[in-house]
Protein backbone atom coordinates (compact mmCIF):
# COMPACT_ATOMS: atom_id res chain seq x y z
CA MET A 1 0.00 0.00 0.00
CA ASP A 2 2.81 2.44 0.83
CA ASN A 3 4.42 1.91 -2.59
CA LEU A 4 1.18 2.85 -4.32
CA ARG A 5 0.82 5.94 -2.12
CA ILE A 6 4.35 7.04 -3.01
CA GLU A 7 4.03 6.35 -6.73
CA THR A 8 0.74 8.21 -7.05
CA GLY A 9 1.93 11.07 -4.84
CA GLU A 10 4.95 12.26 -6.81
CA LYS A 11 2.92 15.12 -8.31
CA LYS A 12 1.88 16.18 -4.80
CA VAL A 13 5.53 16.25 -3.73
CA GLU A 14 6.34 18.58 -6.62
CA GLN A 15 3.37 20.82 -5.77
CA ILE A 16 4.26 20.99 -2.08
CA LYS A 17 7.88 21.85 -2.86
CA ASN A 18 6.78 24.57 -5.29
CA THR A 19 4.62 26.26 -2.65
CA GLY A 20 7.29 26.29 0.03
CA ALA A 21 4.62 25.22 2.53
CA GLU A 22 5.73 24.26 6.01
CA ILE A 23 2.32 22.93 7.06
CA VAL A 24 -0.07 20.91 4.90
CA VAL A 25 -3.69 20.36 5.95
CA SER A 26 -5.22 17.10 4.79
CA PRO A 27 -8.96 16.76 4.24
CA CYS A 28 -9.10 13.03 4.99
CA GLU A 29 -7.20 10.32 6.83
CA ASN A 30 -6.22 8.46 3.67
CA CYS A 31 -4.67 11.63 2.24
CA ARG A 32 -2.87 12.28 5.53
CA LEU A 33 -1.36 8.81 5.48
CA GLN A 34 -0.16 9.37 1.92
CA LEU A 35 1.36 12.71 2.89
CA ASP A 36 3.10 11.09 5.88
CA SER A 37 4.67 8.52 3.54
CA LEU A 38 5.70 11.18 1.04
CA ASN A 39 7.11 13.41 3.77
CA GLU A 40 9.29 10.57 4.97
CA LYS A 41 10.35 9.31 1.52
CA TYR A 42 11.23 12.73 0.07
CA THR A 43 12.33 14.39 3.35
CA LEU A 44 9.96 17.30 2.80
CA GLY A 45 10.26 18.52 6.38
CA ILE A 46 6.60 19.56 6.53
CA LYS A 47 4.09 19.30 9.33
CA ILE A 48 0.94 17.44 8.31
CA THR A 49 -2.32 18.01 10.11
CA SER A 50 -5.92 17.07 9.49
CA MET A 51 -8.77 19.46 8.82
CA MET A 52 -10.46 18.34 12.04
CA ASP A 53 -7.32 18.99 14.10
CA LEU A 54 -7.03 22.45 12.56
CA VAL A 55 -10.64 23.26 13.46
CA ALA A 56 -10.31 21.81 16.97
CA ASP A 57 -7.16 23.85 17.60
CA ALA A 58 -8.88 27.02 16.37
CA VAL A 59 -11.89 26.45 18.62
CA THR A 60 -9.83 25.75 21.75
CA SER A 61 -7.36 28.60 21.23
């Protein structure tokens, strides 16, 4: 499963690098898992968070 996530995510890696983003918000758990794998494989150095975590943090801050 991880190999498929990495192969299909190469375009995402390029897009993330082009933005210079330090934090990427994922809309779903499957996407977050893919981003975790890509972050590790390509050493992107980004923080990955979910949409729900972002909302929860905003509400409790």
